């Protein structure tokens, strides 16, 4: 009797092992597929710049109005390259290129802006839309480099009487904040997603502040630029620009122009001649934006 029980137990165990072995192949590939499948599709590899060998990697593209195949991160600016060499963690994130490229209005991709961007991108009108988006992504990276040293939590509050004006939203002395050095007044002027009621009790450099979040800051910058180039029909470089970095003849403009020396090769700009002794890349002096924008 004991012998039969032992034999029966062996048979049951064998059947369990056989059934398990038959099921395992069906489950394993599914598990491997889940591990290998990317959570989001990738963009194109980053555009090559005219003066730097470094390029940005392809980045995940969340669902949005622009297919991932039409997204191409811009090249790194000189300050981004220098920060990378120094191991500085506060650097441009290629995901911000996607934020810019997915939210560009059609007007900024149209021939209407070709003349405005000609000094930096002579071939803009003949470029495909992916390359046009890549140029604008690079432009905003250069602007953020000149305005805030690519630091999302950068801010400044001027105390000089001639520039220490009161922000009409915060009712405090105006403070320029974030990648593009914007103000809470811009939420009213340019329909930007800044919420002073949520931010007023947070620390000055808290990354959770709505004005410091890169998406909100960059999309506000797009609105401001569209207002300048399309709504007001002003040039890209003008004394009337919101940003002092886009006002020719100023020290701030020279800092910005230096960051625009590695535009995408599709722009058709010749690479600058290398200098015998390269000057170190410096972060821009943060400047006071125009307090009364043109209507």
Foldseek 3Di string as FASTA:
>chain_A
DVVVVVVVVVVVVVVVVVVVVVCVVVPVVVVVCVVPDDPADWAPWAFFWQADRDGHGIDGADDADDDRPLAHAAGAFPLQVVCVVVVNPLHDDSVLLNLQLRQADVVQLAPLQQVQCCVQFVCSHVDDSSLSSNQVNLLLRLLLQLAPVSGLQDKDFDDPPVQQDAQPVVRGGFMQGGSNRHTPNLCVVQVFPFDCVVPVPPDSRPCPGQCSPSSRVSSSVSSQQCCQCPVVVHHQADPQRQAPCSDPPDPSVVLSVSRSQTGGCNSVDHHDDDDPDDDDRDGHDNDRTDPDHDD
